[in-house]
Amino acid sequence: MAEITLQVNGEQRTLSVDPRTSLLDLLRERLGLTGSKKGCDHGQCGACTVLIDGRRANSCLALAVAQDGRDITTVEGLADGERLHPLQVAFIEHDAFQCGYCTPGQLCSAAGMLGEAGPSYVTEDLLADPELTAEEIRERMSGNLCRCGAYANIVSAISAISAVGAVKP
């Protein structure tokens, strides 16, 4: 067993964990934060996406012991108490979910993406700060899959938020 300390959704947590435990399993099974979903458990679907020090990560691939001292934000930590995060509001307003299984990962990924800078694969001018067009959003969110096909509404929700300025988680 290894002792680690994490800042999870603004709360410091010290835990003793098996070194083989994934961050996803720690969050769901030990901390009761079940928003992050175990989809594929291979880092291919994005349902488990959380923010580690503000950057998007598949928590199913991240070992909990490797996160010692880091700041972890799950979908439960996006809201400010009862006040929803602007992305959560936009997802509701734009009907950007159907079954909802992928939604926590989509929200965390979108929050992290809005804080990222630089070009993507579809950026034409690699020296310019790219505008978050629908094409850019689709490319940057491509690691998060939705079995229901709510992509058009997910892109609309993120576009609405990016139009009013980058929102940090």
N, C-alpha and C. Protein backbone atom coordinates (compact mmCIF):
# COMPACT_ATOMS: atom_id res chain seq x y z
N MET A 1 0.84 -1.18 0.00
CA MET A 1 0.00 0.00 0.00
C MET A 1 0.89 1.25 0.00
N ALA A 2 0.38 2.29 -0.63
CA ALA A 2 1.09 3.57 -0.69
C ALA A 2 0.16 4.67 -0.20
N GLU A 3 0.70 5.60 0.53
CA GLU A 3 -0.10 6.72 1.01
C GLU A 3 0.07 7.88 0.04
N ILE A 4 -1.06 8.44 -0.37
CA ILE A 4 -1.05 9.58 -1.29
C ILE A 4 -1.96 10.67 -0.76
N THR A 5 -1.69 11.88 -1.18
CA THR A 5 -2.54 13.01 -0.86
C THR A 5 -2.95 13.68 -2.16
N LEU A 6 -4.24 13.83 -2.34
CA LEU A 6 -4.80 14.46 -3.54
C LEU A 6 -5.69 15.62 -3.11
N GLN A 7 -5.79 16.60 -3.96
CA GLN A 7 -6.77 17.66 -3.80
C GLN A 7 -7.89 17.28 -4.76
N VAL A 8 -9.01 16.80 -4.25
CA VAL A 8 -10.10 16.34 -5.10
C VAL A 8 -11.28 17.29 -4.96
N ASN A 9 -11.60 17.97 -6.04
CA ASN A 9 -12.69 18.94 -6.06
C ASN A 9 -12.56 19.95 -4.93
N GLY A 10 -11.33 20.38 -4.69
CA GLY A 10 -11.07 21.40 -3.68
C GLY A 10 -10.89 20.89 -2.27
N GLU A 11 -11.00 19.59 -2.07
CA GLU A 11 -10.85 19.01 -0.73
C GLU A 11 -9.62 18.11 -0.68
N GLN A 12 -8.77 18.34 0.30
CA GLN A 12 -7.56 17.52 0.43
C GLN A 12 -7.94 16.15 0.98
N ARG A 13 -7.45 15.11 0.30
CA ARG A 13 -7.75 13.73 0.70
C ARG A 13 -6.44 12.96 0.81
N THR A 14 -6.21 12.32 1.95
CA THR A 14 -5.05 11.46 2.14
C THR A 14 -5.56 10.04 2.25
N LEU A 15 -5.02 9.16 1.41
CA LEU A 15 -5.51 7.79 1.33
C LEU A 15 -4.37 6.81 1.21
N SER A 16 -4.61 5.61 1.65
CA SER A 16 -3.68 4.51 1.45
C SER A 16 -4.25 3.67 0.31
N VAL A 17 -3.48 3.51 -0.76
CA VAL A 17 -4.00 2.82 -1.95
C VAL A 17 -3.04 1.74 -2.43
N ASP A 18 -3.59 0.75 -3.04
CA ASP A 18 -2.81 -0.27 -3.73
C ASP A 18 -2.16 0.41 -4.93
N PRO A 19 -0.88 0.24 -5.17
CA PRO A 19 -0.21 0.92 -6.28
C PRO A 19 -0.80 0.60 -7.66
N ARG A 20 -1.58 -0.45 -7.76
CA ARG A 20 -2.19 -0.82 -9.05
C ARG A 20 -3.54 -0.17 -9.28
N THR A 21 -4.04 0.60 -8.33
CA THR A 21 -5.37 1.20 -8.41
C THR A 21 -5.38 2.35 -9.41
N SER A 22 -6.35 2.33 -10.30
CA SER A 22 -6.48 3.45 -11.24
C SER A 22 -7.14 4.63 -10.52
N LEU A 23 -6.90 5.81 -11.04
CA LEU A 23 -7.53 7.00 -10.48
C LEU A 23 -9.05 6.86 -10.56
N LEU A 24 -9.55 6.31 -11.66
CA LEU A 24 -10.99 6.13 -11.82
C LEU A 24 -11.56 5.25 -10.70
N ASP A 25 -10.91 4.12 -10.43
CA ASP A 25 -11.41 3.24 -9.38
C ASP A 25 -11.32 3.89 -8.01
N LEU A 26 -10.27 4.67 -7.77
CA LEU A 26 -10.15 5.39 -6.51
C LEU A 26 -11.30 6.38 -6.35
N LEU A 27 -11.57 7.14 -7.40
CA LEU A 27 -12.64 8.14 -7.34
C LEU A 27 -14.00 7.49 -7.12
N ARG A 28 -14.30 6.45 -7.87
CA ARG A 28 -15.61 5.82 -7.80
C ARG A 28 -15.79 4.96 -6.56
N GLU A 29 -14.82 4.08 -6.30
CA GLU A 29 -15.00 3.08 -5.25
C GLU A 29 -14.59 3.54 -3.86
N ARG A 30 -13.58 4.39 -3.77
CA ARG A 30 -13.10 4.81 -2.45
C ARG A 30 -13.68 6.16 -2.03
N LEU A 31 -13.87 7.07 -3.00
CA LEU A 31 -14.35 8.40 -2.66
C LEU A 31 -15.83 8.62 -2.96
N GLY A 32 -16.47 7.65 -3.61
CA GLY A 32 -17.90 7.76 -3.90
C GLY A 32 -18.25 8.79 -4.95
N LEU A 33 -17.28 9.20 -5.76
CA LEU A 33 -17.52 10.16 -6.83
C LEU A 33 -17.80 9.38 -8.11
N THR A 34 -19.06 9.07 -8.31
CA THR A 34 -19.43 8.17 -9.41
C THR A 34 -19.79 8.89 -10.71
N GLY A 35 -19.56 10.19 -10.77
CA GLY A 35 -19.83 10.92 -12.01
C GLY A 35 -18.98 10.42 -13.15
N SER A 36 -17.69 10.24 -12.92
CA SER A 36 -16.80 9.71 -13.95
C SER A 36 -17.18 8.26 -14.20
N LYS A 37 -17.38 7.91 -15.44
CA LYS A 37 -17.88 6.58 -15.78
C LYS A 37 -16.79 5.66 -16.30
N LYS A 38 -16.94 4.37 -16.00
CA LYS A 38 -16.04 3.36 -16.56
C LYS A 38 -16.71 2.86 -17.83
N GLY A 39 -16.24 3.36 -18.95
CA GLY A 39 -16.81 2.95 -20.23
C GLY A 39 -16.04 1.77 -20.78
N CYS A 40 -14.92 2.04 -21.41
CA CYS A 40 -14.13 0.99 -22.04
C CYS A 40 -13.03 0.45 -21.14
N ASP A 41 -12.59 1.25 -20.16
CA ASP A 41 -11.48 0.91 -19.26
C ASP A 41 -10.17 0.73 -20.00
N HIS A 42 -10.08 1.31 -21.21
CA HIS A 42 -8.86 1.22 -22.03
C HIS A 42 -8.43 2.58 -22.57
N GLY A 43 -9.05 3.67 -22.11
CA GLY A 43 -8.68 5.00 -22.57
C GLY A 43 -9.15 5.34 -23.96
N GLN A 44 -10.16 4.65 -24.45
CA GLN A 44 -10.61 4.87 -25.82
C GLN A 44 -11.90 5.67 -25.95
N CYS A 45 -12.70 5.76 -24.87
CA CYS A 45 -14.02 6.37 -25.02
C CYS A 45 -14.15 7.74 -24.38
N GLY A 46 -13.36 8.05 -23.35
CA GLY A 46 -13.41 9.35 -22.71
C GLY A 46 -14.47 9.51 -21.63
N ALA A 47 -15.25 8.47 -21.35
CA ALA A 47 -16.30 8.58 -20.33
C ALA A 47 -15.72 8.86 -18.95
N CYS A 48 -14.47 8.53 -18.74
CA CYS A 48 -13.82 8.70 -17.44
C CYS A 48 -12.99 9.98 -17.34
N THR A 49 -13.10 10.88 -18.30
CA THR A 49 -12.26 12.08 -18.33
C THR A 49 -12.46 12.93 -17.09
N VAL A 50 -11.34 13.30 -16.48
CA VAL A 50 -11.30 14.23 -15.36
C VAL A 50 -10.21 15.26 -15.68
N LEU A 51 -10.09 16.25 -14.83
CA LEU A 51 -9.01 17.23 -14.98
C LEU A 51 -7.97 16.96 -13.91
N ILE A 52 -6.73 16.80 -14.33
CA ILE A 52 -5.60 16.64 -13.42
C ILE A 52 -4.74 17.88 -13.59
N ASP A 53 -4.68 18.68 -12.53
CA ASP A 53 -4.00 19.97 -12.59
C ASP A 53 -4.51 20.81 -13.77
N GLY A 54 -5.82 20.74 -14.02
CA GLY A 54 -6.45 21.54 -15.06
C GLY A 54 -6.37 20.98 -16.45
N ARG A 55 -5.70 19.84 -16.61
CA ARG A 55 -5.56 19.24 -17.95
C ARG A 55 -6.39 17.97 -18.05
N ARG A 56 -6.96 17.74 -19.22
CA ARG A 56 -7.80 16.56 -19.42
C ARG A 56 -7.00 15.28 -19.33
N ALA A 57 -7.59 14.26 -18.72
CA ALA A 57 -6.93 12.96 -18.62
C ALA A 57 -7.97 11.87 -18.49
N ASN A 58 -7.66 10.72 -19.08
CA ASN A 58 -8.49 9.53 -18.92
C ASN A 58 -8.13 8.90 -17.58
N SER A 59 -9.03 8.97 -16.62
CA SER A 59 -8.72 8.49 -15.28
C SER A 59 -8.59 6.98 -15.21
N CYS A 60 -9.10 6.27 -16.21
CA CYS A 60 -8.95 4.81 -16.21
C CYS A 60 -7.51 4.40 -16.52
N LEU A 61 -6.74 5.28 -17.15
CA LEU A 61 -5.36 4.98 -17.49
C LEU A 61 -4.36 5.56 -16.50
N ALA A 62 -4.82 6.44 -15.62
CA ALA A 62 -3.93 7.11 -14.67
C ALA A 62 -3.88 6.32 -13.37
N LEU A 63 -2.68 5.93 -12.96
CA LEU A 63 -2.55 5.27 -11.67
C LEU A 63 -2.72 6.30 -10.56
N ALA A 64 -3.46 5.95 -9.55
CA ALA A 64 -3.73 6.86 -8.44
C ALA A 64 -2.43 7.29 -7.76
N VAL A 65 -1.48 6.38 -7.58
CA VAL A 65 -0.23 6.73 -6.89
C VAL A 65 0.57 7.77 -7.66
N ALA A 66 0.42 7.81 -8.96
CA ALA A 66 1.16 8.78 -9.78
C ALA A 66 0.56 10.18 -9.66
N GLN A 67 -0.59 10.31 -9.02
CA GLN A 67 -1.26 11.60 -8.90
C GLN A 67 -1.01 12.25 -7.55
N ASP A 68 -0.15 11.68 -6.75
CA ASP A 68 0.15 12.22 -5.42
C ASP A 68 0.50 13.70 -5.52
N GLY A 69 -0.19 14.53 -4.74
CA GLY A 69 0.06 15.96 -4.71
C GLY A 69 -0.66 16.75 -5.80
N ARG A 70 -1.40 16.08 -6.64
CA ARG A 70 -2.06 16.77 -7.75
C ARG A 70 -3.48 17.21 -7.40
N ASP A 71 -3.98 18.12 -8.23
CA ASP A 71 -5.33 18.65 -8.09
C ASP A 71 -6.22 17.94 -9.09
N ILE A 72 -7.22 17.22 -8.60
CA ILE A 72 -8.14 16.45 -9.45
C ILE A 72 -9.51 17.13 -9.42
N THR A 73 -10.07 17.37 -10.60
CA THR A 73 -11.43 17.90 -10.70
C THR A 73 -12.27 16.90 -11.47
N THR A 74 -13.35 16.46 -10.85
CA THR A 74 -14.31 15.56 -11.50
C THR A 74 -15.53 16.39 -11.89
N VAL A 75 -16.48 15.77 -12.54
CA VAL A 75 -17.69 16.50 -12.93
C VAL A 75 -18.40 17.05 -11.70
N GLU A 76 -18.30 16.35 -10.58
CA GLU A 76 -18.93 16.84 -9.35
C GLU A 76 -18.29 18.14 -8.87
N GLY A 77 -17.05 18.37 -9.24
CA GLY A 77 -16.33 19.56 -8.81
C GLY A 77 -16.44 20.74 -9.76
N LEU A 78 -17.10 20.57 -10.88
CA LEU A 78 -17.25 21.69 -11.82
C LEU A 78 -18.20 22.76 -11.29
N ALA A 79 -19.29 22.31 -10.68
CA ALA A 79 -20.27 23.26 -10.16
C ALA A 79 -19.71 23.97 -8.93
N ASP A 80 -20.24 25.14 -8.65
CA ASP A 80 -19.88 25.90 -7.46
C ASP A 80 -21.05 25.79 -6.49
N GLY A 81 -21.03 24.75 -5.68
CA GLY A 81 -22.16 24.48 -4.79
C GLY A 81 -23.38 24.12 -5.62
N GLU A 82 -24.45 24.86 -5.42
CA GLU A 82 -25.69 24.62 -6.18
C GLU A 82 -25.67 25.30 -7.55
N ARG A 83 -24.69 26.18 -7.75
CA ARG A 83 -24.60 26.92 -9.01
C ARG A 83 -23.83 26.10 -10.04
N LEU A 84 -24.50 25.72 -11.11
CA LEU A 84 -23.89 24.90 -12.14
C LEU A 84 -22.79 25.65 -12.87
N HIS A 85 -21.81 24.90 -13.34
CA HIS A 85 -20.76 25.45 -14.19
C HIS A 85 -21.43 25.91 -15.50
N PRO A 86 -20.95 26.98 -16.12
CA PRO A 86 -21.55 27.45 -17.37
C PRO A 86 -21.66 26.36 -18.45
N LEU A 87 -20.70 25.45 -18.50
CA LEU A 87 -20.81 24.35 -19.47
C LEU A 87 -21.98 23.43 -19.14
N GLN A 88 -22.21 23.18 -17.87
CA GLN A 88 -23.34 22.33 -17.48
C GLN A 88 -24.65 22.99 -17.88
N VAL A 89 -24.75 24.30 -17.68
CA VAL A 89 -25.94 25.04 -18.09
C VAL A 89 -26.11 24.96 -19.61
N ALA A 90 -25.02 25.16 -20.34
CA ALA A 90 -25.09 25.12 -21.81
C ALA A 90 -25.48 23.73 -22.31
N PHE A 91 -24.97 22.67 -21.66
CA PHE A 91 -25.35 21.31 -22.06
C PHE A 91 -26.86 21.10 -21.88
N ILE A 92 -27.42 21.64 -20.81
CA ILE A 92 -28.86 21.52 -20.58
C ILE A 92 -29.62 22.34 -21.62
N GLU A 93 -29.21 23.59 -21.81
CA GLU A 93 -29.91 24.48 -22.75
C GLU A 93 -29.85 23.97 -24.18
N HIS A 94 -28.77 23.31 -24.57
CA HIS A 94 -28.60 22.85 -25.94
C HIS A 94 -28.94 21.37 -26.10
N ASP A 95 -29.49 20.76 -25.05
CA ASP A 95 -29.87 19.35 -25.08
C ASP A 95 -28.71 18.49 -25.58
N ALA A 96 -27.54 18.69 -24.94
CA ALA A 96 -26.29 18.07 -25.40
C ALA A 96 -26.03 16.71 -24.76
N PHE A 97 -27.09 15.99 -24.48
CA PHE A 97 -26.94 14.64 -23.95
C PHE A 97 -28.22 13.87 -24.23
N GLN A 98 -28.09 12.56 -24.29
CA GLN A 98 -29.28 11.73 -24.43
C GLN A 98 -29.33 10.77 -23.26
N CYS A 99 -28.55 9.69 -23.31
CA CYS A 99 -28.58 8.77 -22.17
C CYS A 99 -27.79 9.34 -21.00
N GLY A 100 -26.83 10.20 -21.26
CA GLY A 100 -26.07 10.87 -20.22
C GLY A 100 -24.84 10.14 -19.73
N TYR A 101 -24.58 8.94 -20.23
CA TYR A 101 -23.43 8.18 -19.73
C TYR A 101 -22.11 8.87 -20.02
N CYS A 102 -21.97 9.44 -21.18
CA CYS A 102 -20.71 10.10 -21.55
C CYS A 102 -20.63 11.55 -21.07
N THR A 103 -21.74 12.11 -20.61
CA THR A 103 -21.82 13.53 -20.30
C THR A 103 -20.78 14.01 -19.29
N PRO A 104 -20.54 13.30 -18.18
CA PRO A 104 -19.51 13.79 -17.25
C PRO A 104 -18.13 13.92 -17.91
N GLY A 105 -17.76 12.94 -18.70
CA GLY A 105 -16.48 13.01 -19.41
C GLY A 105 -16.47 14.11 -20.45
N GLN A 106 -17.59 14.28 -21.14
CA GLN A 106 -17.70 15.36 -22.14
C GLN A 106 -17.54 16.72 -21.46
N LEU A 107 -18.18 16.90 -20.31
CA LEU A 107 -18.11 18.17 -19.60
C LEU A 107 -16.70 18.47 -19.11
N CYS A 108 -16.05 17.48 -18.50
CA CYS A 108 -14.68 17.70 -18.03
C CYS A 108 -13.74 17.95 -19.20
N SER A 109 -13.93 17.22 -20.28
CA SER A 109 -13.08 17.42 -21.45
C SER A 109 -13.29 18.81 -22.03
N ALA A 110 -14.54 19.25 -22.12
CA ALA A 110 -14.83 20.58 -22.65
C ALA A 110 -14.23 21.66 -21.75
N ALA A 111 -14.33 21.50 -20.44
CA ALA A 111 -13.76 22.48 -19.50
C ALA A 111 -12.25 22.57 -19.69
N GLY A 112 -11.61 21.42 -19.81
CA GLY A 112 -10.17 21.42 -20.04
C GLY A 112 -9.79 21.99 -21.38
N MET A 113 -10.57 21.65 -22.40
CA MET A 113 -10.30 22.12 -23.76
C MET A 113 -10.38 23.63 -23.85
N LEU A 114 -11.33 24.23 -23.16
CA LEU A 114 -11.48 25.69 -23.23
C LEU A 114 -10.30 26.41 -22.60
N GLY A 115 -9.56 25.71 -21.75
CA GLY A 115 -8.37 26.32 -21.16
C GLY A 115 -7.10 26.06 -21.94
N GLU A 116 -7.19 25.25 -22.99
CA GLU A 116 -6.01 24.93 -23.79
C GLU A 116 -5.77 26.00 -24.85
N ALA A 117 -4.54 26.10 -25.27
CA ALA A 117 -4.18 27.05 -26.32
C ALA A 117 -3.39 26.32 -27.39
N GLY A 118 -3.26 26.94 -28.53
CA GLY A 118 -2.44 26.38 -29.58
C GLY A 118 -3.25 25.69 -30.66
N PRO A 119 -2.57 25.29 -31.70
CA PRO A 119 -3.23 24.69 -32.86
C PRO A 119 -3.63 23.24 -32.62
N SER A 120 -4.55 22.76 -33.42
CA SER A 120 -4.93 21.35 -33.43
C SER A 120 -4.64 20.80 -34.83
N TYR A 121 -5.02 19.59 -35.06
CA TYR A 121 -4.82 18.96 -36.35
C TYR A 121 -5.52 19.71 -37.49
N VAL A 122 -6.65 20.33 -37.19
CA VAL A 122 -7.42 21.00 -38.25
C VAL A 122 -7.13 22.50 -38.37
N THR A 123 -6.25 23.03 -37.54
CA THR A 123 -5.91 24.45 -37.60
C THR A 123 -5.14 24.74 -38.87
N GLU A 124 -5.60 25.73 -39.64
CA GLU A 124 -4.94 26.05 -40.90
C GLU A 124 -3.64 26.82 -40.69
N ASP A 125 -3.68 27.88 -39.85
CA ASP A 125 -2.49 28.70 -39.60
C ASP A 125 -1.90 28.29 -38.26
N LEU A 126 -0.82 27.55 -38.30
CA LEU A 126 -0.22 27.02 -37.08
C LEU A 126 0.41 28.09 -36.20
N LEU A 127 0.61 29.28 -36.72
CA LEU A 127 1.20 30.36 -35.94
C LEU A 127 0.16 31.27 -35.29
N ALA A 128 -1.09 31.14 -35.69
CA ALA A 128 -2.17 31.98 -35.17
C ALA A 128 -2.85 31.29 -33.99
N ASP A 129 -3.48 32.08 -33.15
CA ASP A 129 -4.31 31.53 -32.07
C ASP A 129 -5.65 31.16 -32.72
N PRO A 130 -5.95 29.87 -32.85
CA PRO A 130 -7.13 29.48 -33.62
C PRO A 130 -8.45 29.85 -32.94
N GLU A 131 -9.41 30.23 -33.79
CA GLU A 131 -10.77 30.47 -33.32
C GLU A 131 -11.41 29.10 -33.08
N LEU A 132 -12.21 28.99 -32.03
CA LEU A 132 -12.85 27.71 -31.74
C LEU A 132 -14.09 27.54 -32.61
N THR A 133 -13.86 27.21 -33.86
CA THR A 133 -14.96 26.92 -34.78
C THR A 133 -15.53 25.55 -34.43
N ALA A 134 -16.64 25.21 -35.05
CA ALA A 134 -17.23 23.89 -34.84
C ALA A 134 -16.25 22.79 -35.21
N GLU A 135 -15.50 23.01 -36.29
CA GLU A 135 -14.51 22.02 -36.72
C GLU A 135 -13.41 21.85 -35.67
N GLU A 136 -12.93 22.96 -35.11
CA GLU A 136 -11.91 22.90 -34.05
C GLU A 136 -12.45 22.18 -32.82
N ILE A 137 -13.67 22.49 -32.44
CA ILE A 137 -14.27 21.84 -31.25
C ILE A 137 -14.40 20.35 -31.49
N ARG A 138 -14.89 19.96 -32.66
CA ARG A 138 -15.04 18.53 -32.96
C ARG A 138 -13.69 17.81 -32.89
N GLU A 139 -12.65 18.43 -33.42
CA GLU A 139 -11.32 17.82 -33.39
C GLU A 139 -10.82 17.71 -31.96
N ARG A 140 -10.96 18.76 -31.20
CA ARG A 140 -10.44 18.78 -29.83
C ARG A 140 -11.23 17.89 -28.89
N MET A 141 -12.47 17.60 -29.21
CA MET A 141 -13.31 16.73 -28.38
C MET A 141 -13.35 15.30 -28.93
N SER A 142 -12.54 14.99 -29.92
CA SER A 142 -12.63 13.70 -30.60
C SER A 142 -12.29 12.51 -29.71
N GLY A 143 -11.66 12.71 -28.57
CA GLY A 143 -11.36 11.61 -27.66
C GLY A 143 -12.52 11.23 -26.76
N ASN A 144 -13.64 11.93 -26.90
CA ASN A 144 -14.83 11.64 -26.09
C ASN A 144 -15.94 11.16 -27.00
N LEU A 145 -16.29 9.91 -26.85
CA LEU A 145 -17.31 9.30 -27.70
C LEU A 145 -18.69 9.36 -27.07
N CYS A 146 -19.71 9.45 -27.93
CA CYS A 146 -21.10 9.45 -27.49
C CYS A 146 -21.84 8.40 -28.31
N ARG A 147 -22.28 7.33 -27.66
CA ARG A 147 -22.98 6.27 -28.37
C ARG A 147 -24.32 6.72 -28.92
N CYS A 148 -24.92 7.73 -28.29
CA CYS A 148 -26.23 8.22 -28.73
C CYS A 148 -26.14 9.18 -29.90
N GLY A 149 -24.96 9.73 -30.16
CA GLY A 149 -24.78 10.63 -31.29
C GLY A 149 -25.22 12.06 -31.02
N ALA A 150 -25.03 12.54 -29.81
CA ALA A 150 -25.43 13.91 -29.46
C ALA A 150 -24.37 14.94 -29.84
N TYR A 151 -23.47 14.58 -30.74
CA TYR A 151 -22.33 15.45 -31.07
C TYR A 151 -22.73 16.84 -31.53
N ALA A 152 -23.73 16.96 -32.37
CA ALA A 152 -24.12 18.29 -32.88
C ALA A 152 -24.50 19.21 -31.74
N ASN A 153 -25.24 18.71 -30.77
CA ASN A 153 -25.66 19.54 -29.65
C ASN A 153 -24.51 19.79 -28.66
N ILE A 154 -23.60 18.84 -28.54
CA ILE A 154 -22.42 19.03 -27.70
C ILE A 154 -21.58 20.17 -28.28
N VAL A 155 -21.37 20.15 -29.58
CA VAL A 155 -20.60 21.21 -30.24
C VAL A 155 -21.32 22.55 -30.08
N SER A 156 -22.63 22.58 -30.22
CA SER A 156 -23.40 23.82 -30.04
C SER A 156 -23.25 24.37 -28.63
N ALA A 157 -23.30 23.50 -27.64
CA ALA A 157 -23.17 23.94 -26.24
C ALA A 157 -21.79 24.52 -25.99
N ILE A 158 -20.76 23.85 -26.47
CA ILE A 158 -19.40 24.35 -26.27
C ILE A 158 -19.19 25.64 -27.05
N SER A 159 -19.74 25.72 -28.26
CA SER A 159 -19.63 26.95 -29.06
C SER A 159 -20.26 28.13 -28.35
N ALA A 160 -21.41 27.91 -27.72
CA ALA A 160 -22.09 28.98 -27.01
C ALA A 160 -21.23 29.51 -25.87
N ILE A 161 -20.53 28.62 -25.17
CA ILE A 161 -19.68 29.03 -24.06
C ILE A 161 -18.40 29.69 -24.58
N SER A 162 -17.81 29.12 -25.62
CA SER A 162 -16.57 29.71 -26.15
C SER A 162 -16.82 31.09 -26.75
N ALA A 163 -18.04 31.35 -27.21
CA ALA A 163 -18.36 32.66 -27.80
C ALA A 163 -18.36 33.77 -26.76
N VAL A 164 -18.59 33.41 -25.50
CA VAL A 164 -18.60 34.45 -24.45
C VAL A 164 -17.28 34.50 -23.69
N GLY A 165 -16.30 33.73 -24.15
CA GLY A 165 -14.97 33.75 -23.53
C GLY A 165 -14.64 32.41 -22.88
N ALA A 166 -13.37 32.10 -22.82
CA ALA A 166 -12.92 30.83 -22.24
C ALA A 166 -13.33 30.74 -20.79
N VAL A 167 -13.88 29.61 -20.43
CA VAL A 167 -14.30 29.35 -19.05
C VAL A 167 -13.36 28.34 -18.45
N LYS A 168 -12.75 28.67 -17.35
CA LYS A 168 -11.85 27.75 -16.66
C LYS A 168 -12.66 26.90 -15.71
N PRO A 169 -12.24 25.65 -15.49
CA PRO A 169 -12.97 24.79 -14.56
C PRO A 169 -12.88 25.31 -13.14
